[in-house]
Amino acid sequence: MKIQKNDIITFSANRFGEKIIITHRFSHTERNKEGETVYKTHPERSNTLDVYEMVWYKKS
């Protein structure tokens, strides 16, 4: 799957120990310290990036 800048995506996140579902816009990808690709997102009408790090895991 190819995600493009400003695509709307929905993902789960851990917020203060609670699993939540978030729908935000995709911004770009980065590499974290572990070398994993991290998908950076931001809310609608804001360019401030989320603190959540979304990593795509494929089930084998």
C-alpha atoms as a PDB file:
ATOM      1  CA  MET A   1       0.000   0.000   0.000  1.00  0.00           C
ATOM      2  CA  LYS A   2       1.315   3.444  -0.890  1.00  0.00           C
ATOM      3  CA  ILE A   3       0.283   6.387   1.266  1.00  0.00           C
ATOM      4  CA  GLN A   4       0.670   9.902  -0.094  1.00  0.00           C
ATOM      5  CA  LYS A   5       1.039  13.213   1.738  1.00  0.00           C
ATOM      6  CA  ASN A   6      -2.296  14.450   3.131  1.00  0.00           C
ATOM      7  CA  ASP A   7      -4.047  11.079   2.700  1.00  0.00           C
ATOM      8  CA  ILE A   8      -6.500  10.462   5.535  1.00  0.00           C
ATOM      9  CA  ILE A   9      -5.587   7.356   7.547  1.00  0.00           C
ATOM     10  CA  THR A  10      -7.076   5.640  10.599  1.00  0.00           C
ATOM     11  CA  PHE A  11      -4.893   3.837  13.143  1.00  0.00           C
ATOM     12  CA  SER A  12      -4.864   2.674  16.748  1.00  0.00           C
ATOM     13  CA  ALA A  13      -2.674   4.349  19.338  1.00  0.00           C
ATOM     14  CA  ASN A  14      -1.927   4.081  23.038  1.00  0.00           C
ATOM     15  CA  ARG A  15      -2.877   7.309  24.800  1.00  0.00           C
ATOM     16  CA  PHE A  16      -2.034   7.282  28.508  1.00  0.00           C
ATOM     17  CA  GLY A  17      -2.547   3.509  28.688  1.00  0.00           C
ATOM     18  CA  GLU A  18      -5.838   3.542  26.775  1.00  0.00           C
ATOM     19  CA  LYS A  19      -6.086   2.076  23.257  1.00  0.00           C
ATOM     20  CA  ILE A  20      -7.828   4.590  20.986  1.00  0.00           C
ATOM     21  CA  ILE A  21      -8.626   4.918  17.258  1.00  0.00           C
ATOM     22  CA  ILE A  22      -7.401   8.074  15.503  1.00  0.00           C
ATOM     23  CA  THR A  23      -8.153   9.429  12.032  1.00  0.00           C
ATOM     24  CA  HIS A  24      -5.574  11.990  10.881  1.00  0.00           C
ATOM     25  CA  ARG A  25      -3.726  13.113   7.776  1.00  0.00           C
ATOM     26  CA  PHE A  26      -0.468  11.446   6.733  1.00  0.00           C
ATOM     27  CA  SER A  27       2.539  13.791   6.552  1.00  0.00           C
ATOM     28  CA  HIS A  28       5.719  11.776   5.888  1.00  0.00           C
ATOM     29  CA  THR A  29       7.848   8.838   7.012  1.00  0.00           C
ATOM     30  CA  GLU A  30      10.963   8.809   9.206  1.00  0.00           C
ATOM     31  CA  ARG A  31      13.235   6.115  10.688  1.00  0.00           C
ATOM     32  CA  ASN A  32      13.199   5.610  14.464  1.00  0.00           C
ATOM     33  CA  LYS A  33      16.170   4.482  16.608  1.00  0.00           C
ATOM     34  CA  GLU A  34      15.341   0.830  15.879  1.00  0.00           C
ATOM     35  CA  GLY A  35      15.484   1.470  12.120  1.00  0.00           C
ATOM     36  CA  GLU A  36      11.736   0.999  11.684  1.00  0.00           C
ATOM     37  CA  THR A  37       9.744   3.209   9.315  1.00  0.00           C
ATOM     38  CA  VAL A  38       7.523   5.564  11.324  1.00  0.00           C
ATOM     39  CA  TYR A  39       4.479   7.214   9.722  1.00  0.00           C
ATOM     40  CA  LYS A  40       4.045  10.808  10.927  1.00  0.00           C
ATOM     41  CA  THR A  41       0.525  12.267  10.998  1.00  0.00           C
ATOM     42  CA  HIS A  42      -1.261  15.463  11.958  1.00  0.00           C
ATOM     43  CA  PRO A  43      -4.852  16.483  12.733  1.00  0.00           C
ATOM     44  CA  GLU A  44      -7.120  18.177  10.207  1.00  0.00           C
ATOM     45  CA  ARG A  45      -6.491  21.942   9.903  1.00  0.00           C
ATOM     46  CA  SER A  46      -3.189  21.701  11.750  1.00  0.00           C
ATOM     47  CA  ASN A  47       0.376  21.181  10.575  1.00  0.00           C
ATOM     48  CA  THR A  48       1.588  20.271  14.061  1.00  0.00           C
ATOM     49  CA  LEU A  49       2.720  16.638  13.970  1.00  0.00           C
ATOM     50  CA  ASP A  50       1.251  14.088  16.365  1.00  0.00           C
ATOM     51  CA  VAL A  51       3.389  12.698  19.159  1.00  0.00           C
ATOM     52  CA  TYR A  52       2.186   9.204  18.175  1.00  0.00           C
ATOM     53  CA  GLU A  53       4.604   7.049  16.207  1.00  0.00           C
ATOM     54  CA  MET A  54       2.771   4.699  13.886  1.00  0.00           C
ATOM     55  CA  VAL A  55       4.853   1.732  12.736  1.00  0.00           C
ATOM     56  CA  TRP A  56       3.442  -0.580  10.075  1.00  0.00           C
ATOM     57  CA  TYR A  57       3.719  -4.252  11.050  1.00  0.00           C
ATOM     58  CA  LYS A  58       2.925  -7.006   8.568  1.00  0.00           C
ATOM     59  CA  LYS A  59       1.481 -10.210   9.941  1.00  0.00           C
ATOM     60  CA  SER A  60       3.416 -13.240   8.737  1.00  0.00           C
END
